[in-house]
PDB file of N, CA and C in Angstrom:
ATOM      1  N   MET A   1     -28.737   9.996  -4.002  1.00  0.00           N
ATOM      2  CA  MET A   1     -28.328  10.539  -2.606  1.00  0.00           C
ATOM      3  C   MET A   1     -27.332   9.536  -2.105  1.00  0.00           C
ATOM      4  N   GLU A   2     -27.402   8.248  -2.419  1.00  0.00           N
ATOM      5  CA  GLU A   2     -26.515   7.332  -1.941  1.00  0.00           C
ATOM      6  C   GLU A   2     -25.072   7.464  -2.495  1.00  0.00           C
ATOM      7  N   HIS A   3     -25.082   7.739  -3.790  1.00  0.00           N
ATOM      8  CA  HIS A   3     -23.957   8.123  -4.484  1.00  0.00           C
ATOM      9  C   HIS A   3     -22.969   9.359  -3.988  1.00  0.00           C
ATOM     10  N   LYS A   4     -23.722  10.261  -3.442  1.00  0.00           N
ATOM     11  CA  LYS A   4     -23.106  11.514  -2.907  1.00  0.00           C
ATOM     12  C   LYS A   4     -22.510  10.968  -1.456  1.00  0.00           C
ATOM     13  N   THR A   5     -23.265  10.101  -0.704  1.00  0.00           N
ATOM     14  CA  THR A   5     -22.738   9.640   0.518  1.00  0.00           C
ATOM     15  C   THR A   5     -21.500   8.885   0.306  1.00  0.00           C
ATOM     16  N   LEU A   6     -21.452   7.924  -0.675  1.00  0.00           N
ATOM     17  CA  LEU A   6     -20.325   7.247  -0.876  1.00  0.00           C
ATOM     18  C   LEU A   6     -19.153   8.142  -1.277  1.00  0.00           C
ATOM     19  N   SER A   7     -19.294   9.116  -2.149  1.00  0.00           N
ATOM     20  CA  SER A   7     -18.201   9.926  -2.557  1.00  0.00           C
ATOM     21  C   SER A   7     -17.673  10.708  -1.268  1.00  0.00           C
ATOM     22  N   HIS A   8     -18.639  11.276  -0.454  1.00  0.00           N
ATOM     23  CA  HIS A   8     -18.235  11.819   0.794  1.00  0.00           C
ATOM     24  C   HIS A   8     -17.260  10.907   1.675  1.00  0.00           C
ATOM     25  N   ARG A   9     -17.834   9.788   1.797  1.00  0.00           N
ATOM     26  CA  ARG A   9     -17.138   8.814   2.578  1.00  0.00           C
ATOM     27  C   ARG A   9     -15.707   8.503   2.116  1.00  0.00           C
ATOM     28  N   TRP A  10     -15.717   8.425   0.734  1.00  0.00           N
ATOM     29  CA  TRP A  10     -14.301   8.177   0.172  1.00  0.00           C
ATOM     30  C   TRP A  10     -13.370   9.404   0.410  1.00  0.00           C
ATOM     31  N   LEU A  11     -13.986  10.585   0.184  1.00  0.00           N
ATOM     32  CA  LEU A  11     -13.054  11.773   0.516  1.00  0.00           C
ATOM     33  C   LEU A  11     -12.650  11.852   1.920  1.00  0.00           C
ATOM     34  N   HIS A  12     -13.418  11.536   2.752  1.00  0.00           N
ATOM     35  CA  HIS A  12     -13.032  11.650   4.254  1.00  0.00           C
ATOM     36  C   HIS A  12     -12.024  10.540   4.572  1.00  0.00           C
ATOM     37  N   ARG A  13     -12.095   9.390   3.858  1.00  0.00           N
ATOM     38  CA  ARG A  13     -11.194   8.260   4.092  1.00  0.00           C
ATOM     39  C   ARG A  13      -9.856   8.707   3.476  1.00  0.00           C
ATOM     40  N   ALA A  14      -9.794   9.289   2.248  1.00  0.00           N
ATOM     41  CA  ALA A  14      -8.758   9.764   1.541  1.00  0.00           C
ATOM     42  C   ALA A  14      -7.955  10.874   2.406  1.00  0.00           C
ATOM     43  N   LEU A  15      -8.779  11.749   2.911  1.00  0.00           N
ATOM     44  CA  LEU A  15      -8.154  12.835   3.665  1.00  0.00           C
ATOM     45  C   LEU A  15      -7.513  12.296   4.886  1.00  0.00           C
ATOM     46  N   PHE A  16      -8.302  11.523   5.682  1.00  0.00           N
ATOM     47  CA  PHE A  16      -7.780  10.885   6.797  1.00  0.00           C
ATOM     48  C   PHE A  16      -6.509  10.086   6.619  1.00  0.00           C
ATOM     49  N   GLY A  17      -6.422   9.231   5.419  1.00  0.00           N
ATOM     50  CA  GLY A  17      -5.247   8.538   5.281  1.00  0.00           C
ATOM     51  C   GLY A  17      -4.164   9.262   4.831  1.00  0.00           C
ATOM     52  N   ALA A  18      -4.403  10.402   4.061  1.00  0.00           N
ATOM     53  CA  ALA A  18      -3.254  11.314   3.754  1.00  0.00           C
ATOM     54  C   ALA A  18      -2.680  11.960   5.136  1.00  0.00           C
ATOM     55  N   LEU A  19      -3.607  12.460   6.008  1.00  0.00           N
ATOM     56  CA  LEU A  19      -3.070  12.968   7.301  1.00  0.00           C
ATOM     57  C   LEU A  19      -2.494  11.938   8.191  1.00  0.00           C
ATOM     58  N   ALA A  20      -2.928  10.815   8.286  1.00  0.00           N
ATOM     59  CA  ALA A  20      -2.255   9.748   8.910  1.00  0.00           C
ATOM     60  C   ALA A  20      -0.835   9.347   8.321  1.00  0.00           C
ATOM     61  N   LEU A  21      -0.677   9.354   7.009  1.00  0.00           N
ATOM     62  CA  LEU A  21       0.655   9.158   6.516  1.00  0.00           C
ATOM     63  C   LEU A  21       1.454  10.141   6.735  1.00  0.00           C
ATOM     64  N   ILE A  22       1.119  11.402   6.779  1.00  0.00           N
ATOM     65  CA  ILE A  22       2.035  12.561   7.131  1.00  0.00           C
ATOM     66  C   ILE A  22       2.520  12.453   8.438  1.00  0.00           C
ATOM     67  N   VAL A  23       1.538  12.208   9.444  1.00  0.00           N
ATOM     68  CA  VAL A  23       1.857  12.126  10.795  1.00  0.00           C
ATOM     69  C   VAL A  23       2.807  10.780  11.146  1.00  0.00           C
ATOM     70  N   PHE A  24       2.490   9.707  10.533  1.00  0.00           N
ATOM     71  CA  PHE A  24       3.362   8.598  10.787  1.00  0.00           C
ATOM     72  C   PHE A  24       4.728   8.907  10.134  1.00  0.00           C
ATOM     73  N   GLY A  25       4.879   9.620   9.015  1.00  0.00           N
ATOM     74  CA  GLY A  25       5.995   9.918   8.498  1.00  0.00           C
ATOM     75  C   GLY A  25       7.006  10.837   9.330  1.00  0.00           C
ATOM     76  N   PHE A  26       6.262  11.827   9.894  1.00  0.00           N
ATOM     77  CA  PHE A  26       7.101  12.752  10.953  1.00  0.00           C
ATOM     78  C   PHE A  26       7.489  12.027  12.071  1.00  0.00           C
ATOM     79  N   VAL A  27       6.491  11.112  12.568  1.00  0.00           N
ATOM     80  CA  VAL A  27       6.875  10.389  13.859  1.00  0.00           C
ATOM     81  C   VAL A  27       8.056   9.525  13.532  1.00  0.00           C
ATOM     82  N   THR A  28       8.038   8.748  12.315  1.00  0.00           N
ATOM     83  CA  THR A  28       9.093   7.886  11.964  1.00  0.00           C
ATOM     84  C   THR A  28      10.490   8.661  11.844  1.00  0.00           C
ATOM     85  N   MET A  29      10.342   9.816  11.180  1.00  0.00           N
ATOM     86  CA  MET A  29      11.562  10.630  11.069  1.00  0.00           C
ATOM     87  C   MET A  29      12.032  11.117  12.424  1.00  0.00           C
ATOM     88  N   ALA A  30      11.199  11.542  13.282  1.00  0.00           N
ATOM     89  CA  ALA A  30      11.714  12.050  14.589  1.00  0.00           C
ATOM     90  C   ALA A  30      12.378  10.876  15.278  1.00  0.00           C
ATOM     91  N   LEU A  31      11.666   9.851  15.367  1.00  0.00           N
ATOM     92  CA  LEU A  31      12.248   8.651  16.172  1.00  0.00           C
ATOM     93  C   LEU A  31      13.497   8.077  15.638  1.00  0.00           C
ATOM     94  N   TRP A  32      13.704   7.980  14.296  1.00  0.00           N
ATOM     95  CA  TRP A  32      14.883   7.478  13.757  1.00  0.00           C
ATOM     96  C   TRP A  32      16.012   8.526  14.055  1.00  0.00           C
ATOM     97  N   ASN A  33      15.667   9.711  13.796  1.00  0.00           N
ATOM     98  CA  ASN A  33      16.673  10.777  14.008  1.00  0.00           C
ATOM     99  C   ASN A  33      17.107  10.995  15.343  1.00  0.00           C
ATOM    100  N   TRP A  34      16.260  10.546  16.400  1.00  0.00           N
ATOM    101  CA  TRP A  34      16.629  10.682  17.741  1.00  0.00           C
ATOM    102  C   TRP A  34      17.387   9.383  18.331  1.00  0.00           C
ATOM    103  N   LEU A  35      17.123   8.335  17.622  1.00  0.00           N
ATOM    104  CA  LEU A  35      17.570   6.950  18.200  1.00  0.00           C
ATOM    105  C   LEU A  35      18.828   6.511  17.361  1.00  0.00           C
ATOM    106  N   MET A  36      18.593   6.337  16.151  1.00  0.00           N
ATOM    107  CA  MET A  36      19.560   5.649  15.218  1.00  0.00           C
ATOM    108  C   MET A  36      20.940   6.305  15.239  1.00  0.00           C
ATOM    109  N   PRO A  37      21.104   7.530  15.087  1.00  0.00           N
ATOM    110  CA  PRO A  37      22.416   8.175  14.887  1.00  0.00           C
ATOM    111  C   PRO A  37      23.182   8.019  16.238  1.00  0.00           C
ATOM    112  N   ALA A  38      22.471   8.312  17.442  1.00  0.00           N
ATOM    113  CA  ALA A  38      23.146   8.025  18.594  1.00  0.00           C
ATOM    114  C   ALA A  38      23.415   6.698  19.082  1.00  0.00           C
ATOM    115  N   LEU A  39      22.552   5.675  18.636  1.00  0.00           N
ATOM    116  CA  LEU A  39      22.762   4.150  19.124  1.00  0.00           C
ATOM    117  C   LEU A  39      23.762   3.435  18.099  1.00  0.00           C
ATOM    118  N   PHE A  40      23.531   3.783  16.851  1.00  0.00           N
ATOM    119  CA  PHE A  40      24.328   3.028  15.868  1.00  0.00           C
ATOM    120  C   PHE A  40      25.190   3.900  14.835  1.00  0.00           C
ATOM    121  N   GLY A  41      25.189   5.002  15.129  1.00  0.00           N
ATOM    122  CA  GLY A  41      25.936   5.865  14.237  1.00  0.00           C
ATOM    123  C   GLY A  41      25.392   6.091  12.865  1.00  0.00           C
ATOM    124  N   LEU A  42      24.204   5.848  12.606  1.00  0.00           N
ATOM    125  CA  LEU A  42      23.621   5.994  11.275  1.00  0.00           C
ATOM    126  C   LEU A  42      23.304   7.308  10.876  1.00  0.00           C
ATOM    127  N   ALA A  43      23.020   7.650   9.636  1.00  0.00           N
ATOM    128  CA  ALA A  43      22.715   9.068   9.304  1.00  0.00           C
ATOM    129  C   ALA A  43      21.286   9.421   9.609  1.00  0.00           C
ATOM    130  N   ARG A  44      21.087  10.657   9.608  1.00  0.00           N
ATOM    131  CA  ARG A  44      19.709  11.163   9.798  1.00  0.00           C
ATOM    132  C   ARG A  44      18.933  10.901   8.485  1.00  0.00           C
ATOM    133  N   VAL A  45      17.637  10.985   8.746  1.00  0.00           N
ATOM    134  CA  VAL A  45      16.784  10.718   7.502  1.00  0.00           C
ATOM    135  C   VAL A  45      15.863  11.945   7.449  1.00  0.00           C
ATOM    136  N   GLY A  46      15.415  12.174   6.271  1.00  0.00           N
ATOM    137  CA  GLY A  46      14.302  13.301   5.818  1.00  0.00           C
ATOM    138  C   GLY A  46      12.924  12.605   5.964  1.00  0.00           C
ATOM    139  N   PHE A  47      11.962  13.558   5.636  1.00  0.00           N
ATOM    140  CA  PHE A  47      10.576  13.061   5.593  1.00  0.00           C
ATOM    141  C   PHE A  47      10.395  11.982   4.613  1.00  0.00           C
ATOM    142  N   TRP A  48      10.916  12.220   3.253  1.00  0.00           N
ATOM    143  CA  TRP A  48      10.521  11.266   2.422  1.00  0.00           C
ATOM    144  C   TRP A  48      11.312   9.936   2.611  1.00  0.00           C
ATOM    145  N   GLN A  49      12.530  10.055   3.058  1.00  0.00           N
ATOM    146  CA  GLN A  49      13.199   8.691   3.452  1.00  0.00           C
ATOM    147  C   GLN A  49      12.436   8.044   4.604  1.00  0.00           C
ATOM    148  N   ALA A  50      11.836   8.727   5.541  1.00  0.00           N
ATOM    149  CA  ALA A  50      10.985   8.119   6.678  1.00  0.00           C
ATOM    150  C   ALA A  50       9.780   7.504   5.972  1.00  0.00           C
ATOM    151  N   LEU A  51       9.100   7.993   5.035  1.00  0.00           N
ATOM    152  CA  LEU A  51       8.093   7.287   4.270  1.00  0.00           C
ATOM    153  C   LEU A  51       8.568   6.057   3.665  1.00  0.00           C
ATOM    154  N   GLY A  52       9.663   6.133   3.004  1.00  0.00           N
ATOM    155  CA  GLY A  52      10.228   4.984   2.350  1.00  0.00           C
ATOM    156  C   GLY A  52      10.489   3.884   3.374  1.00  0.00           C
ATOM    157  N   LEU A  53      11.060   4.168   4.608  1.00  0.00           N
ATOM    158  CA  LEU A  53      11.036   3.147   5.555  1.00  0.00           C
ATOM    159  C   LEU A  53       9.749   2.646   5.992  1.00  0.00           C
ATOM    160  N   LEU A  54       8.714   3.358   6.117  1.00  0.00           N
ATOM    161  CA  LEU A  54       7.504   2.878   6.388  1.00  0.00           C
ATOM    162  C   LEU A  54       6.995   1.844   5.422  1.00  0.00           C
ATOM    163  N   VAL A  55       7.164   2.329   4.192  1.00  0.00           N
ATOM    164  CA  VAL A  55       6.692   1.349   3.009  1.00  0.00           C
ATOM    165  C   VAL A  55       7.525   0.108   3.162  1.00  0.00           C
ATOM    166  N   LEU A  56       8.889   0.296   3.147  1.00  0.00           N
ATOM    167  CA  LEU A  56       9.783  -0.859   3.173  1.00  0.00           C
ATOM    168  C   LEU A  56       9.461  -1.793   4.416  1.00  0.00           C
ATOM    169  N   SER A  57       9.090  -1.249   5.391  1.00  0.00           N
ATOM    170  CA  SER A  57       8.821  -2.143   6.740  1.00  0.00           C
ATOM    171  C   SER A  57       7.441  -2.806   6.502  1.00  0.00           C
ATOM    172  N   ARG A  58       6.515  -2.120   5.911  1.00  0.00           N
ATOM    173  CA  ARG A  58       5.246  -2.742   5.681  1.00  0.00           C
ATOM    174  C   ARG A  58       5.368  -3.902   4.694  1.00  0.00           C
ATOM    175  N   VAL A  59       6.161  -3.793   3.433  1.00  0.00           N
ATOM    176  CA  VAL A  59       6.364  -4.675   2.616  1.00  0.00           C
ATOM    177  C   VAL A  59       7.202  -6.076   3.266  1.00  0.00           C
ATOM    178  N   LEU A  60       8.224  -5.736   4.033  1.00  0.00           N
ATOM    179  CA  LEU A  60       8.979  -6.867   4.648  1.00  0.00           C
ATOM    180  C   LEU A  60       8.375  -7.608   5.752  1.00  0.00           C
ATOM    181  N   PHE A  61       7.503  -6.960   6.581  1.00  0.00           N
ATOM    182  CA  PHE A  61       6.835  -7.587   7.706  1.00  0.00           C
ATOM    183  C   PHE A  61       5.516  -7.974   7.578  1.00  0.00           C
ATOM    184  N   VAL A  62       4.783  -7.289   6.663  1.00  0.00           N
ATOM    185  CA  VAL A  62       3.450  -7.605   6.459  1.00  0.00           C
ATOM    186  C   VAL A  62       2.996  -8.180   5.106  1.00  0.00           C
ATOM    187  N   GLY A  63       3.682  -7.567   3.962  1.00  0.00           N
ATOM    188  CA  GLY A  63       3.363  -8.029   2.755  1.00  0.00           C
ATOM    189  C   GLY A  63       2.328  -7.195   2.087  1.00  0.00           C
ATOM    190  N   PHE A  64       1.946  -7.424   0.920  1.00  0.00           N
ATOM    191  CA  PHE A  64       0.908  -6.750   0.098  1.00  0.00           C
ATOM    192  C   PHE A  64      -0.632  -7.126   0.340  1.00  0.00           C
ATOM    193  N   HIS A  65      -0.630  -8.536   0.862  1.00  0.00           N
ATOM    194  CA  HIS A  65      -1.969  -9.179   0.834  1.00  0.00           C
ATOM    195  C   HIS A  65      -2.744  -8.669   2.082  1.00  0.00           C
ATOM    196  N   HIS A  66      -2.283  -7.870   2.916  1.00  0.00           N
ATOM    197  CA  HIS A  66      -2.907  -7.242   4.067  1.00  0.00           C
ATOM    198  C   HIS A  66      -3.149  -5.865   4.064  1.00  0.00           C
ATOM    199  N   VAL A  67      -3.104  -5.117   2.935  1.00  0.00           N
ATOM    200  CA  VAL A  67      -3.276  -3.821   2.806  1.00  0.00           C
ATOM    201  C   VAL A  67      -4.776  -3.397   3.134  1.00  0.00           C
ATOM    202  N   PRO A  68      -4.822  -2.185   3.757  1.00  0.00           N
ATOM    203  CA  PRO A  68      -6.206  -2.015   4.203  1.00  0.00           C
ATOM    204  C   PRO A  68      -7.265  -1.785   3.015  1.00  0.00           C
ATOM    205  N   TRP A  69      -6.817  -1.350   1.959  1.00  0.00           N
ATOM    206  CA  TRP A  69      -7.789  -1.076   0.765  1.00  0.00           C
ATOM    207  C   TRP A  69      -8.036  -2.436   0.103  1.00  0.00           C
ATOM    208  N   HIS A  70      -7.510  -3.606   0.476  1.00  0.00           N
ATOM    209  CA  HIS A  70      -7.807  -4.890  -0.241  1.00  0.00           C
ATOM    210  C   HIS A  70      -8.914  -5.611   0.144  1.00  0.00           C
ATOM    211  N   HIS A  71     -10.103  -5.433  -0.025  1.00  0.00           N
ATOM    212  CA  HIS A  71     -11.265  -5.953   0.542  1.00  0.00           C
ATOM    213  C   HIS A  71     -12.002  -6.852  -0.252  1.00  0.00           C
ATOM    214  N   HIS A  72     -11.188  -7.927  -0.783  1.00  0.00           N
ATOM    215  CA  HIS A  72     -11.800  -8.894  -1.782  1.00  0.00           C
ATOM    216  C   HIS A  72     -12.820  -9.776  -0.946  1.00  0.00           C
ATOM    217  N   HIS A  73     -12.681  -9.938   0.388  1.00  0.00           N
ATOM    218  CA  HIS A  73     -13.710 -10.856   1.082  1.00  0.00           C
ATOM    219  C   HIS A  73     -15.081 -10.031   1.127  1.00  0.00           C
ATOM    220  N   ASP A  74     -15.047  -8.804   1.404  1.00  0.00           N
ATOM    221  CA  ASP A  74     -16.264  -7.968   1.396  1.00  0.00           C
ATOM    222  C   ASP A  74     -16.888  -7.845   0.148  1.00  0.00           C
ATOM    223  N   TRP A  75     -16.103  -7.697  -0.968  1.00  0.00           N
ATOM    224  CA  TRP A  75     -16.568  -7.644  -2.414  1.00  0.00           C
ATOM    225  C   TRP A  75     -17.282  -8.946  -2.621  1.00  0.00           C
ATOM    226  N   ARG A  76     -16.726 -10.068  -2.322  1.00  0.00           N
ATOM    227  CA  ARG A  76     -17.250 -11.435  -2.562  1.00  0.00           C
ATOM    228  C   ARG A  76     -18.499 -11.637  -1.895  1.00  0.00           C
ATOM    229  N   GLU A  77     -18.515 -11.196  -0.596  1.00  0.00           N
ATOM    230  CA  GLU A  77     -19.820 -11.260   0.175  1.00  0.00           C
ATOM    231  C   GLU A  77     -21.016 -10.504  -0.346  1.00  0.00           C
ATOM    232  N   ARG A  78     -20.586  -9.347  -0.833  1.00  0.00           N
ATOM    233  CA  ARG A  78     -21.761  -8.339  -1.535  1.00  0.00           C
ATOM    234  C   ARG A  78     -22.151  -9.068  -2.746  1.00  0.00           C
ATOM    235  N   VAL A  79     -21.393  -9.505  -3.516  1.00  0.00           N
ATOM    236  CA  VAL A  79     -21.793 -10.040  -4.853  1.00  0.00           C
ATOM    237  C   VAL A  79     -22.676 -11.356  -4.473  1.00  0.00           C
ATOM    238  N   LEU A  80     -22.182 -12.232  -3.598  1.00  0.00           N
ATOM    239  CA  LEU A  80     -22.991 -13.476  -3.152  1.00  0.00           C
ATOM    240  C   LEU A  80     -24.439 -13.056  -2.628  1.00  0.00           C
ATOM    241  N   ALA A  81     -24.501 -12.067  -1.824  1.00  0.00           N
ATOM    242  CA  ALA A  81     -25.650 -11.447  -1.296  1.00  0.00           C
ATOM    243  C   ALA A  81     -26.621 -11.122  -2.457  1.00  0.00           C
ATOM    244  N   ARG A  82     -26.064 -10.399  -3.439  1.00  0.00           N
ATOM    245  CA  ARG A  82     -26.850  -9.837  -4.553  1.00  0.00           C
ATOM    246  C   ARG A  82     -27.430 -11.045  -5.340  1.00  0.00           C
ATOM    247  N   TRP A  83     -26.547 -12.041  -5.674  1.00  0.00           N
ATOM    248  CA  TRP A  83     -26.861 -13.221  -6.357  1.00  0.00           C
ATOM    249  C   TRP A  83     -28.010 -13.839  -5.678  1.00  0.00           C
ATOM    250  N   GLU A  84     -28.010 -14.052  -4.416  1.00  0.00           N
ATOM    251  CA  GLU A  84     -28.970 -14.834  -3.642  1.00  0.00           C
ATOM    252  C   GLU A  84     -30.286 -14.001  -3.819  1.00  0.00           C
ATOM    253  N   GLN A  85     -30.279 -12.835  -3.912  1.00  0.00           N
ATOM    254  CA  GLN A  85     -31.519 -12.041  -4.029  1.00  0.00           C
ATOM    255  C   GLN A  85     -32.168 -12.005  -5.391  1.00  0.00           C
ATOM    256  N   MET A  86     -31.415 -12.444  -6.282  1.00  0.00           N
ATOM    257  CA  MET A  86     -31.754 -12.469  -7.751  1.00  0.00           C
ATOM    258  C   MET A  86     -32.767 -13.694  -8.080  1.00  0.00           C
ATOM    259  N   THR A  87     -33.717 -13.336  -9.013  1.00  0.00           N
ATOM    260  CA  THR A  87     -34.628 -14.358  -9.428  1.00  0.00           C
ATOM    261  C   THR A  87     -33.837 -15.234 -10.386  1.00  0.00           C
ATOM    262  N   PRO A  88     -34.343 -16.405 -10.761  1.00  0.00           N
ATOM    263  CA  PRO A  88     -33.743 -17.198 -11.711  1.00  0.00           C
ATOM    264  C   PRO A  88     -33.567 -16.597 -13.093  1.00  0.00           C
ATOM    265  N   GLU A  89     -34.569 -15.886 -13.423  1.00  0.00           N
ATOM    266  CA  GLU A  89     -34.561 -15.062 -14.686  1.00  0.00           C
ATOM    267  C   GLU A  89     -33.485 -14.055 -14.681  1.00  0.00           C
ATOM    268  N   GLU A  90     -33.208 -13.385 -13.492  1.00  0.00           N
ATOM    269  CA  GLU A  90     -32.302 -12.260 -13.481  1.00  0.00           C
ATOM    270  C   GLU A  90     -30.795 -12.891 -13.624  1.00  0.00           C
ATOM    271  N   ARG A  91     -30.624 -14.047 -12.937  1.00  0.00           N
ATOM    272  CA  ARG A  91     -29.384 -14.835 -12.903  1.00  0.00           C
ATOM    273  C   ARG A  91     -29.065 -15.255 -14.379  1.00  0.00           C
ATOM    274  N   GLU A  92     -30.079 -15.744 -15.094  1.00  0.00           N
ATOM    275  CA  GLU A  92     -29.772 -16.278 -16.440  1.00  0.00           C
ATOM    276  C   GLU A  92     -29.469 -15.084 -17.466  1.00  0.00           C
ATOM    277  N   LYS A  93     -30.222 -13.877 -17.165  1.00  0.00           N
ATOM    278  CA  LYS A  93     -29.766 -12.622 -17.996  1.00  0.00           C
ATOM    279  C   LYS A  93     -28.454 -12.285 -17.744  1.00  0.00           C
ATOM    280  N   LEU A  94     -27.908 -12.237 -16.455  1.00  0.00           N
ATOM    281  CA  LEU A  94     -26.638 -12.022 -16.090  1.00  0.00           C
ATOM    282  C   LEU A  94     -25.661 -12.999 -16.642  1.00  0.00           C
ATOM    283  N   ARG A  95     -26.051 -14.181 -16.682  1.00  0.00           N
ATOM    284  CA  ARG A  95     -24.988 -15.141 -17.272  1.00  0.00           C
ATOM    285  C   ARG A  95     -24.824 -14.888 -18.815  1.00  0.00           C
ATOM    286  N   GLU A  96     -26.001 -14.764 -19.427  1.00  0.00           N
ATOM    287  CA  GLU A  96     -25.857 -14.508 -20.943  1.00  0.00           C
ATOM    288  C   GLU A  96     -25.202 -13.178 -21.130  1.00  0.00           C
ATOM    289  N   GLY A  97     -25.330 -12.153 -20.371  1.00  0.00           N
ATOM    290  CA  GLY A  97     -24.514 -10.918 -20.634  1.00  0.00           C
ATOM    291  C   GLY A  97     -22.984 -11.060 -20.439  1.00  0.00           C
ATOM    292  N   MET A  98     -22.741 -11.889 -19.411  1.00  0.00           N
ATOM    293  CA  MET A  98     -21.377 -11.997 -19.220  1.00  0.00           C
ATOM    294  C   MET A  98     -20.669 -13.055 -20.345  1.00  0.00           C
ATOM    295  N   ARG A  99     -21.415 -13.950 -20.943  1.00  0.00           N
ATOM    296  CA  ARG A  99     -20.965 -14.731 -22.090  1.00  0.00           C
ATOM    297  C   ARG A  99     -20.775 -13.948 -23.341  1.00  0.00           C
ATOM    298  N   CYS A 100     -21.514 -12.858 -23.508  1.00  0.00           N
ATOM    299  CA  CYS A 100     -21.465 -12.072 -24.701  1.00  0.00           C
ATOM    300  C   CYS A 100     -20.388 -11.030 -24.478  1.00  0.00           C
ATOM    301  N   GLY A 101     -19.840 -10.857 -23.397  1.00  0.00           N
ATOM    302  CA  GLY A 101     -18.824  -9.870 -23.163  1.00  0.00           C
ATOM    303  C   GLY A 101     -19.302  -8.444 -22.817  1.00  0.00           C
ATOM    304  N   HIS A 102     -20.728  -8.368 -22.646  1.00  0.00           N
ATOM    305  CA  HIS A 102     -21.346  -7.041 -22.261  1.00  0.00           C
ATOM    306  C   HIS A 102     -22.537  -7.381 -21.534  1.00  0.00           C
ATOM    307  N   GLY A 103     -23.001  -6.322 -20.728  1.00  0.00           N
ATOM    308  CA  GLY A 103     -24.141  -6.445 -19.821  1.00  0.00           C
ATOM    309  C   GLY A 103     -25.390  -5.817 -20.435  1.00  0.00           C
ATOM    310  N   HIS A 104     -25.274  -5.024 -21.583  1.00  0.00           N
ATOM    311  CA  HIS A 104     -26.479  -4.363 -22.075  1.00  0.00           C
ATOM    312  C   HIS A 104     -26.759  -4.692 -23.539  1.00  0.00           C
ATOM    313  N   ASP A 105     -28.095  -4.678 -23.827  1.00  0.00           N
ATOM    314  CA  ASP A 105     -28.371  -4.896 -25.360  1.00  0.00           C
ATOM    315  C   ASP A 105     -28.437  -3.870 -25.958  1.00  0.00           C
TER     316      ASP A 105
END
């Protein structure tokens, strides 16, 4: 049941992300085409160019280490929480499996 919930959650996030990307792309295109040609004499842009501007501004001003899908701290906390709940025998079995390059016998 939990697996189904996770896949539904992922699907909702993916759909919301795609919708947000489309909306931001059109808003960027509209703002650019309204302001930049009149103020600076620059060419108008299409939807894909507007998305490119969004990506470029993200890379230049934020960088890749703050992307929303990069949750290494959440992952680390979950792993540490699981490790704390393990018995010493379970921890040793995990260590052995990692040394052998596999987790199953």
